[in-house]
PDB file of N, CA and C in Angstrom:
ATOM      1  N   MET A   1       0.909  -1.081   0.033  1.00  0.00           N
ATOM      2  CA  MET A   1      -0.153  -0.116  -0.147  1.00  0.00           C
ATOM      3  C   MET A   1       0.929   1.169   0.066  1.00  0.00           C
ATOM      4  N   ARG A   2       0.395   2.257  -0.617  1.00  0.00           N
ATOM      5  CA  ARG A   2       1.331   3.371  -0.883  1.00  0.00           C
ATOM      6  C   ARG A   2       0.591   4.683  -0.376  1.00  0.00           C
ATOM      7  N   ALA A   3       0.965   5.599   0.122  1.00  0.00           N
ATOM      8  CA  ALA A   3       0.352   6.826   0.476  1.00  0.00           C
ATOM      9  C   ALA A   3      -0.312   7.669  -0.958  1.00  0.00           C
ATOM     10  N   THR A   4      -1.266   8.377  -0.619  1.00  0.00           N
ATOM     11  CA  THR A   4      -1.630   8.987  -2.011  1.00  0.00           C
ATOM     12  C   THR A   4      -1.488  10.597  -1.534  1.00  0.00           C
ATOM     13  N   GLY A   5      -0.998  11.016  -0.316  1.00  0.00           N
ATOM     14  CA  GLY A   5      -1.160  12.383  -0.204  1.00  0.00           C
ATOM     15  C   GLY A   5      -2.303  13.136  -0.171  1.00  0.00           C
ATOM     16  N   LEU A   6      -3.555  12.152   0.022  1.00  0.00           N
ATOM     17  CA  LEU A   6      -4.942  12.959   0.026  1.00  0.00           C
ATOM     18  C   LEU A   6      -5.465  12.816   1.292  1.00  0.00           C
ATOM     19  N   VAL A   7      -5.930  13.872   1.891  1.00  0.00           N
ATOM     20  CA  VAL A   7      -6.386  13.833   3.193  1.00  0.00           C
ATOM     21  C   VAL A   7      -7.704  14.573   3.422  1.00  0.00           C
ATOM     22  N   ARG A   8      -8.626  13.724   4.111  1.00  0.00           N
ATOM     23  CA  ARG A   8     -10.226  14.213   3.965  1.00  0.00           C
ATOM     24  C   ARG A   8     -10.482  14.003   5.487  1.00  0.00           C
ATOM     25  N   ARG A   9     -11.217  14.877   5.897  1.00  0.00           N
ATOM     26  CA  ARG A   9     -11.778  14.842   7.486  1.00  0.00           C
ATOM     27  C   ARG A   9     -13.023  14.376   7.724  1.00  0.00           C
ATOM     28  N   ILE A  10     -13.379  13.612   8.885  1.00  0.00           N
ATOM     29  CA  ILE A  10     -14.897  12.881   8.806  1.00  0.00           C
ATOM     30  C   ILE A  10     -15.433  14.105   9.249  1.00  0.00           C
ATOM     31  N   ASP A  11     -16.754  14.123   8.797  1.00  0.00           N
ATOM     32  CA  ASP A  11     -17.813  15.087   9.138  1.00  0.00           C
ATOM     33  C   ASP A  11     -18.406  14.631  10.495  1.00  0.00           C
ATOM     34  N   PRO A  12     -19.404  15.349  11.068  1.00  0.00           N
ATOM     35  CA  PRO A  12     -19.989  15.243  12.305  1.00  0.00           C
ATOM     36  C   PRO A  12     -20.823  14.077  12.428  1.00  0.00           C
ATOM     37  N   VAL A  13     -21.245  13.492  11.292  1.00  0.00           N
ATOM     38  CA  VAL A  13     -21.997  12.295  11.316  1.00  0.00           C
ATOM     39  C   VAL A  13     -21.179  11.172  10.966  1.00  0.00           C
ATOM     40  N   GLY A  14     -19.780  11.400  10.776  1.00  0.00           N
ATOM     41  CA  GLY A  14     -19.100  10.163  10.546  1.00  0.00           C
ATOM     42  C   GLY A  14     -18.636   9.707   9.185  1.00  0.00           C
ATOM     43  N   ARG A  15     -18.955  10.854   8.105  1.00  0.00           N
ATOM     44  CA  ARG A  15     -18.723  10.275   6.599  1.00  0.00           C
ATOM     45  C   ARG A  15     -17.428  10.856   6.359  1.00  0.00           C
ATOM     46  N   ILE A  16     -17.028  10.262   4.890  1.00  0.00           N
ATOM     47  CA  ILE A  16     -15.805  10.809   4.650  1.00  0.00           C
ATOM     48  C   ILE A  16     -16.287  10.815   3.241  1.00  0.00           C
ATOM     49  N   GLY A  17     -15.614  11.849   2.368  1.00  0.00           N
ATOM     50  CA  GLY A  17     -15.993  11.952   1.150  1.00  0.00           C
ATOM     51  C   GLY A  17     -14.594  11.428   0.441  1.00  0.00           C
ATOM     52  N   LEU A  18     -14.773  10.667  -0.449  1.00  0.00           N
ATOM     53  CA  LEU A  18     -13.732   9.827  -1.379  1.00  0.00           C
ATOM     54  C   LEU A  18     -13.481  10.867  -2.487  1.00  0.00           C
ATOM     55  N   PRO A  19     -12.240  11.365  -2.595  1.00  0.00           N
ATOM     56  CA  PRO A  19     -11.676  11.988  -3.749  1.00  0.00           C
ATOM     57  C   PRO A  19     -12.101  11.436  -5.140  1.00  0.00           C
ATOM     58  N   THR A  20     -12.272  12.306  -6.147  1.00  0.00           N
ATOM     59  CA  THR A  20     -13.034  11.975  -7.426  1.00  0.00           C
ATOM     60  C   THR A  20     -12.067  11.234  -8.083  1.00  0.00           C
ATOM     61  N   GLN A  21     -10.628  11.513  -7.826  1.00  0.00           N
ATOM     62  CA  GLN A  21      -9.340  10.877  -8.628  1.00  0.00           C
ATOM     63  C   GLN A  21      -9.494   9.595  -8.249  1.00  0.00           C
ATOM     64  N   LEU A  22      -9.576   9.316  -6.915  1.00  0.00           N
ATOM     65  CA  LEU A  22      -9.541   7.880  -6.424  1.00  0.00           C
ATOM     66  C   LEU A  22     -11.054   7.186  -6.931  1.00  0.00           C
ATOM     67  N   ARG A  23     -11.962   7.529  -7.022  1.00  0.00           N
ATOM     68  CA  ARG A  23     -13.197   6.966  -7.368  1.00  0.00           C
ATOM     69  C   ARG A  23     -12.812   6.471  -8.658  1.00  0.00           C
ATOM     70  N   ARG A  24     -12.612   7.504  -9.536  1.00  0.00           N
ATOM     71  CA  ARG A  24     -12.218   7.109 -11.153  1.00  0.00           C
ATOM     72  C   ARG A  24     -11.434   6.096 -11.412  1.00  0.00           C
ATOM     73  N   GLN A  25     -10.146   6.071 -10.350  1.00  0.00           N
ATOM     74  CA  GLN A  25      -9.015   5.276 -10.582  1.00  0.00           C
ATOM     75  C   GLN A  25      -9.541   3.811 -10.081  1.00  0.00           C
ATOM     76  N   PHE A  26     -10.449   3.557  -9.402  1.00  0.00           N
ATOM     77  CA  PHE A  26     -10.917   2.410  -8.798  1.00  0.00           C
ATOM     78  C   PHE A  26     -12.151   1.809  -9.328  1.00  0.00           C
ATOM     79  N   GLY A  27     -12.885   2.926 -10.156  1.00  0.00           N
ATOM     80  CA  GLY A  27     -14.051   2.415 -10.544  1.00  0.00           C
ATOM     81  C   GLY A  27     -15.183   2.467  -9.521  1.00  0.00           C
ATOM     82  N   ILE A  28     -15.248   3.280  -8.751  1.00  0.00           N
ATOM     83  CA  ILE A  28     -16.014   3.260  -7.960  1.00  0.00           C
ATOM     84  C   ILE A  28     -17.257   4.546  -7.937  1.00  0.00           C
ATOM     85  N   SER A  29     -18.539   3.918  -7.853  1.00  0.00           N
ATOM     86  CA  SER A  29     -19.635   4.934  -8.385  1.00  0.00           C
ATOM     87  C   SER A  29     -20.760   4.904  -6.984  1.00  0.00           C
ATOM     88  N   PRO A  30     -21.872   5.910  -7.202  1.00  0.00           N
ATOM     89  CA  PRO A  30     -22.609   5.573  -5.917  1.00  0.00           C
ATOM     90  C   PRO A  30     -23.125   4.278  -6.055  1.00  0.00           C
ATOM     91  N   GLY A  31     -23.578   3.897  -4.718  1.00  0.00           N
ATOM     92  CA  GLY A  31     -23.724   2.593  -4.678  1.00  0.00           C
ATOM     93  C   GLY A  31     -22.998   1.322  -4.875  1.00  0.00           C
ATOM     94  N   THR A  32     -21.561   1.394  -5.036  1.00  0.00           N
ATOM     95  CA  THR A  32     -20.670   0.365  -4.942  1.00  0.00           C
ATOM     96  C   THR A  32     -20.476  -0.074  -3.567  1.00  0.00           C
ATOM     97  N   PRO A  33     -20.619  -1.509  -3.469  1.00  0.00           N
ATOM     98  CA  PRO A  33     -20.349  -1.741  -1.948  1.00  0.00           C
ATOM     99  C   PRO A  33     -18.885  -1.661  -1.552  1.00  0.00           C
ATOM    100  N   LEU A  34     -18.376  -0.947  -0.529  1.00  0.00           N
ATOM    101  CA  LEU A  34     -16.896  -1.127  -0.098  1.00  0.00           C
ATOM    102  C   LEU A  34     -16.908  -1.867   1.372  1.00  0.00           C
ATOM    103  N   GLU A  35     -15.733  -2.791   1.548  1.00  0.00           N
ATOM    104  CA  GLU A  35     -15.569  -3.291   2.612  1.00  0.00           C
ATOM    105  C   GLU A  35     -14.135  -2.385   3.504  1.00  0.00           C
ATOM    106  N   PHE A  36     -14.334  -2.492   4.756  1.00  0.00           N
ATOM    107  CA  PHE A  36     -13.476  -1.864   5.512  1.00  0.00           C
ATOM    108  C   PHE A  36     -12.425  -2.963   6.012  1.00  0.00           C
ATOM    109  N   LEU A  37     -11.414  -2.985   5.844  1.00  0.00           N
ATOM    110  CA  LEU A  37     -10.210  -3.867   6.589  1.00  0.00           C
ATOM    111  C   LEU A  37      -9.348  -3.061   7.641  1.00  0.00           C
ATOM    112  N   ALA A  38      -8.863  -3.493   8.617  1.00  0.00           N
ATOM    113  CA  ALA A  38      -8.131  -3.042   9.654  1.00  0.00           C
ATOM    114  C   ALA A  38      -7.107  -4.079  10.235  1.00  0.00           C
ATOM    115  N   ASP A  39      -6.029  -3.618  10.520  1.00  0.00           N
ATOM    116  CA  ASP A  39      -4.864  -4.512  10.989  1.00  0.00           C
ATOM    117  C   ASP A  39      -4.527  -3.851  12.477  1.00  0.00           C
ATOM    118  N   GLU A  40      -3.655  -4.919  13.087  1.00  0.00           N
ATOM    119  CA  GLU A  40      -3.049  -4.495  14.522  1.00  0.00           C
ATOM    120  C   GLU A  40      -2.350  -3.341  14.588  1.00  0.00           C
ATOM    121  N   GLY A  41      -1.845  -2.820  13.298  1.00  0.00           N
ATOM    122  CA  GLY A  41      -1.164  -1.680  13.479  1.00  0.00           C
ATOM    123  C   GLY A  41      -1.882  -0.228  13.447  1.00  0.00           C
ATOM    124  N   GLY A  42      -3.204  -0.295  13.145  1.00  0.00           N
ATOM    125  CA  GLY A  42      -4.161   0.852  13.265  1.00  0.00           C
ATOM    126  C   GLY A  42      -4.016   1.422  11.635  1.00  0.00           C
ATOM    127  N   VAL A  43      -3.725   0.483  10.648  1.00  0.00           N
ATOM    128  CA  VAL A  43      -4.003   0.720   9.252  1.00  0.00           C
ATOM    129  C   VAL A  43      -5.659   0.471   8.841  1.00  0.00           C
ATOM    130  N   LEU A  44      -6.363   1.342   8.374  1.00  0.00           N
ATOM    131  CA  LEU A  44      -7.822   1.483   8.117  1.00  0.00           C
ATOM    132  C   LEU A  44      -7.597   1.345   6.408  1.00  0.00           C
ATOM    133  N   ALA A  45      -8.162   0.178   5.797  1.00  0.00           N
ATOM    134  CA  ALA A  45      -8.159   0.395   4.153  1.00  0.00           C
ATOM    135  C   ALA A  45      -9.570   0.359   3.754  1.00  0.00           C
ATOM    136  N   LEU A  46     -10.016   0.396   2.551  1.00  0.00           N
ATOM    137  CA  LEU A  46     -11.139   0.279   1.481  1.00  0.00           C
ATOM    138  C   LEU A  46     -10.945  -0.582   0.585  1.00  0.00           C
ATOM    139  N   ARG A  47     -11.964  -1.566   0.131  1.00  0.00           N
ATOM    140  CA  ARG A  47     -11.726  -2.141  -1.103  1.00  0.00           C
ATOM    141  C   ARG A  47     -13.046  -2.673  -1.364  1.00  0.00           C
ATOM    142  N   LYS A  48     -13.057  -2.764  -2.908  1.00  0.00           N
ATOM    143  CA  LYS A  48     -14.508  -3.030  -3.547  1.00  0.00           C
ATOM    144  C   LYS A  48     -14.884  -4.292  -2.767  1.00  0.00           C
ATOM    145  N   TRP A  49     -16.101  -4.562  -2.601  1.00  0.00           N
ATOM    146  CA  TRP A  49     -16.593  -5.648  -1.946  1.00  0.00           C
ATOM    147  C   TRP A  49     -16.889  -6.614  -3.095  1.00  0.00           C
ATOM    148  N   ALA A  50     -16.587  -8.007  -2.784  1.00  0.00           N
ATOM    149  CA  ALA A  50     -16.777  -9.184  -3.534  1.00  0.00           C
ATOM    150  C   ALA A  50     -17.224 -10.257  -2.942  1.00  0.00           C
ATOM    151  N   PRO A  51     -18.096 -11.015  -3.081  1.00  0.00           N
ATOM    152  CA  PRO A  51     -18.187 -12.328  -2.366  1.00  0.00           C
ATOM    153  C   PRO A  51     -16.807 -13.183  -2.174  1.00  0.00           C
ATOM    154  N   ARG A  52     -16.539 -13.533  -1.097  1.00  0.00           N
ATOM    155  CA  ARG A  52     -15.325 -14.274  -0.969  1.00  0.00           C
ATOM    156  C   ARG A  52     -15.761 -15.803  -0.273  1.00  0.00           C
ATOM    157  N   CYS A  53     -14.844 -16.779  -0.726  1.00  0.00           N
ATOM    158  CA  CYS A  53     -15.039 -18.127  -0.169  1.00  0.00           C
ATOM    159  C   CYS A  53     -14.840 -18.399   1.154  1.00  0.00           C
ATOM    160  N   ALA A  54     -15.740 -19.168   1.762  1.00  0.00           N
ATOM    161  CA  ALA A  54     -15.506 -19.202   3.475  1.00  0.00           C
ATOM    162  C   ALA A  54     -14.431 -19.758   3.534  1.00  0.00           C
ATOM    163  N   PHE A  55     -14.073 -20.510   2.573  1.00  0.00           N
ATOM    164  CA  PHE A  55     -12.645 -21.480   3.017  1.00  0.00           C
ATOM    165  C   PHE A  55     -11.250 -21.051   2.679  1.00  0.00           C
ATOM    166  N   CYS A  56     -11.282 -20.614   1.318  1.00  0.00           N
ATOM    167  CA  CYS A  56     -10.094 -20.252   0.617  1.00  0.00           C
ATOM    168  C   CYS A  56      -9.706 -18.714   0.694  1.00  0.00           C
ATOM    169  N   GLY A  57     -10.805 -17.981   0.624  1.00  0.00           N
ATOM    170  CA  GLY A  57     -10.957 -16.414   0.470  1.00  0.00           C
ATOM    171  C   GLY A  57     -10.977 -16.303  -0.790  1.00  0.00           C
ATOM    172  N   GLY A  58     -10.930 -17.022  -1.921  1.00  0.00           N
ATOM    173  CA  GLY A  58     -11.035 -16.784  -3.110  1.00  0.00           C
ATOM    174  C   GLY A  58     -12.312 -15.936  -3.687  1.00  0.00           C
ATOM    175  N   THR A  59     -12.164 -15.169  -4.865  1.00  0.00           N
ATOM    176  CA  THR A  59     -13.125 -14.393  -5.283  1.00  0.00           C
ATOM    177  C   THR A  59     -13.687 -14.896  -6.604  1.00  0.00           C
ATOM    178  N   GLU A  60     -13.265 -15.946  -7.098  1.00  0.00           N
ATOM    179  CA  GLU A  60     -13.653 -16.440  -8.205  1.00  0.00           C
ATOM    180  C   GLU A  60     -14.490 -17.741  -8.278  1.00  0.00           C
ATOM    181  N   SER A  61     -15.726 -17.720  -9.057  1.00  0.00           N
ATOM    182  CA  SER A  61     -16.796 -18.938  -9.211  1.00  0.00           C
ATOM    183  C   SER A  61     -16.995 -19.182  -7.754  1.00  0.00           C
ATOM    184  N   VAL A  62     -17.647 -17.966  -7.050  1.00  0.00           N
ATOM    185  CA  VAL A  62     -18.204 -18.139  -5.644  1.00  0.00           C
ATOM    186  C   VAL A  62     -19.548 -18.081  -5.873  1.00  0.00           C
ATOM    187  N   LEU A  63     -20.337 -19.148  -4.974  1.00  0.00           N
ATOM    188  CA  LEU A  63     -21.688 -19.307  -5.224  1.00  0.00           C
ATOM    189  C   LEU A  63     -22.235 -19.190  -3.686  1.00  0.00           C
ATOM    190  N   ALA A  64     -23.435 -18.889  -3.407  1.00  0.00           N
ATOM    191  CA  ALA A  64     -24.102 -18.590  -2.233  1.00  0.00           C
ATOM    192  C   ALA A  64     -24.794 -20.122  -1.962  1.00  0.00           C
ATOM    193  N   PHE A  65     -24.358 -20.686  -0.527  1.00  0.00           N
ATOM    194  CA  PHE A  65     -24.783 -21.865  -0.162  1.00  0.00           C
ATOM    195  C   PHE A  65     -25.138 -22.003   1.234  1.00  0.00           C
ATOM    196  N   ARG A  66     -26.447 -21.916   1.557  1.00  0.00           N
ATOM    197  CA  ARG A  66     -27.060 -21.742   3.080  1.00  0.00           C
ATOM    198  C   ARG A  66     -26.347 -20.691   3.769  1.00  0.00           C
ATOM    199  N   GLY A  67     -26.440 -19.572   3.546  1.00  0.00           N
ATOM    200  CA  GLY A  67     -25.910 -18.280   3.984  1.00  0.00           C
ATOM    201  C   GLY A  67     -24.270 -18.022   4.039  1.00  0.00           C
ATOM    202  N   ARG A  68     -23.748 -18.780   3.435  1.00  0.00           N
ATOM    203  CA  ARG A  68     -22.205 -18.567   2.969  1.00  0.00           C
ATOM    204  C   ARG A  68     -21.782 -18.617   1.436  1.00  0.00           C
ATOM    205  N   HIS A  69     -20.646 -18.220   1.517  1.00  0.00           N
ATOM    206  CA  HIS A  69     -20.258 -18.119  -0.134  1.00  0.00           C
ATOM    207  C   HIS A  69     -18.882 -19.367  -0.224  1.00  0.00           C
ATOM    208  N   VAL A  70     -19.148 -19.899  -1.135  1.00  0.00           N
ATOM    209  CA  VAL A  70     -18.103 -21.055  -1.444  1.00  0.00           C
ATOM    210  C   VAL A  70     -17.931 -21.070  -2.800  1.00  0.00           C
ATOM    211  N   CYS A  71     -16.467 -21.159  -3.138  1.00  0.00           N
ATOM    212  CA  CYS A  71     -16.142 -21.247  -4.598  1.00  0.00           C
ATOM    213  C   CYS A  71     -16.062 -22.973  -4.971  1.00  0.00           C
ATOM    214  N   ARG A  72     -16.351 -22.731  -6.623  1.00  0.00           N
ATOM    215  CA  ARG A  72     -16.527 -24.130  -7.078  1.00  0.00           C
ATOM    216  C   ARG A  72     -15.213 -25.065  -6.491  1.00  0.00           C
ATOM    217  N   GLY A  73     -14.229 -24.606  -6.302  1.00  0.00           N
ATOM    218  CA  GLY A  73     -13.210 -25.603  -6.132  1.00  0.00           C
ATOM    219  C   GLY A  73     -13.231 -26.222  -4.807  1.00  0.00           C
ATOM    220  N   CYS A  74     -13.710 -25.336  -3.914  1.00  0.00           N
ATOM    221  CA  CYS A  74     -13.739 -25.688  -2.574  1.00  0.00           C
ATOM    222  C   CYS A  74     -14.941 -26.688  -2.377  1.00  0.00           C
ATOM    223  N   ALA A  75     -16.047 -26.452  -3.052  1.00  0.00           N
ATOM    224  CA  ALA A  75     -17.493 -27.254  -3.023  1.00  0.00           C
ATOM    225  C   ALA A  75     -16.947 -28.330  -3.887  1.00  0.00           C
ATOM    226  N   ALA A  76     -16.251 -28.669  -4.661  1.00  0.00           N
ATOM    227  CA  ALA A  76     -15.604 -29.905  -5.289  1.00  0.00           C
ATOM    228  C   ALA A  76     -14.986 -30.673  -4.347  1.00  0.00           C
ATOM    229  N   GLU A  77     -13.920 -30.102  -3.651  1.00  0.00           N
ATOM    230  CA  GLU A  77     -13.135 -30.781  -2.712  1.00  0.00           C
ATOM    231  C   GLU A  77     -13.947 -31.298  -1.658  1.00  0.00           C
ATOM    232  N   ALA A  78     -14.861 -30.323  -0.890  1.00  0.00           N
ATOM    233  CA  ALA A  78     -15.621 -30.883   0.012  1.00  0.00           C
ATOM    234  C   ALA A  78     -16.684 -32.295  -0.431  1.00  0.00           C
ATOM    235  N   ALA A  79     -16.999 -32.142  -1.588  1.00  0.00           N
ATOM    236  CA  ALA A  79     -18.020 -33.043  -2.271  1.00  0.00           C
ATOM    237  C   ALA A  79     -17.004 -34.601  -2.109  1.00  0.00           C
ATOM    238  N   ARG A  80     -15.902 -34.269  -2.513  1.00  0.00           N
ATOM    239  CA  ARG A  80     -15.005 -35.691  -2.927  1.00  0.00           C
ATOM    240  C   ARG A  80     -14.714 -36.154  -1.526  1.00  0.00           C
ATOM    241  N   LYS A  81     -14.393 -35.313  -0.421  1.00  0.00           N
ATOM    242  CA  LYS A  81     -14.210 -35.607   0.991  1.00  0.00           C
ATOM    243  C   LYS A  81     -15.414 -36.444   1.417  1.00  0.00           C
ATOM    244  N   PHE A  82     -16.547 -35.880   1.279  1.00  0.00           N
ATOM    245  CA  PHE A  82     -17.828 -36.678   1.658  1.00  0.00           C
ATOM    246  C   PHE A  82     -17.984 -37.906   1.142  1.00  0.00           C
ATOM    247  N   ARG A  83     -17.977 -37.790  -0.004  1.00  0.00           N
ATOM    248  CA  ARG A  83     -17.999 -39.278  -0.802  1.00  0.00           C
ATOM    249  C   ARG A  83     -17.571 -40.378  -0.126  1.00  0.00           C
ATOM    250  N   SER A  84     -15.863 -39.851   0.028  1.00  0.00           N
ATOM    251  CA  SER A  84     -15.072 -41.049   0.508  1.00  0.00           C
ATOM    252  C   SER A  84     -15.098 -41.381   1.808  1.00  0.00           C
ATOM    253  N   ALA A  85     -15.938 -40.402   2.712  1.00  0.00           N
ATOM    254  CA  ALA A  85     -15.834 -40.855   3.963  1.00  0.00           C
ATOM    255  C   ALA A  85     -17.082 -41.936   4.354  1.00  0.00           C
TER     256      ALA A  85
END
């Protein structure tokens, strides 16, 4: 991650305005779901939200199953293990 040099203040109701430059660069428009990430060192980051596999964290070929997201690869692996058990 690199610093952008852009600084914004939080308004009285907790909102932050995302600079136009960053919205264009990352393809963020009104209604785009964003996910907050934080680490132990106090770094707070945003990324575009995408469903992620509950097992491997992948974002490709993810399906919803019983309220969780599972990728096709993990689903196939689970099916093989259950068949052999």
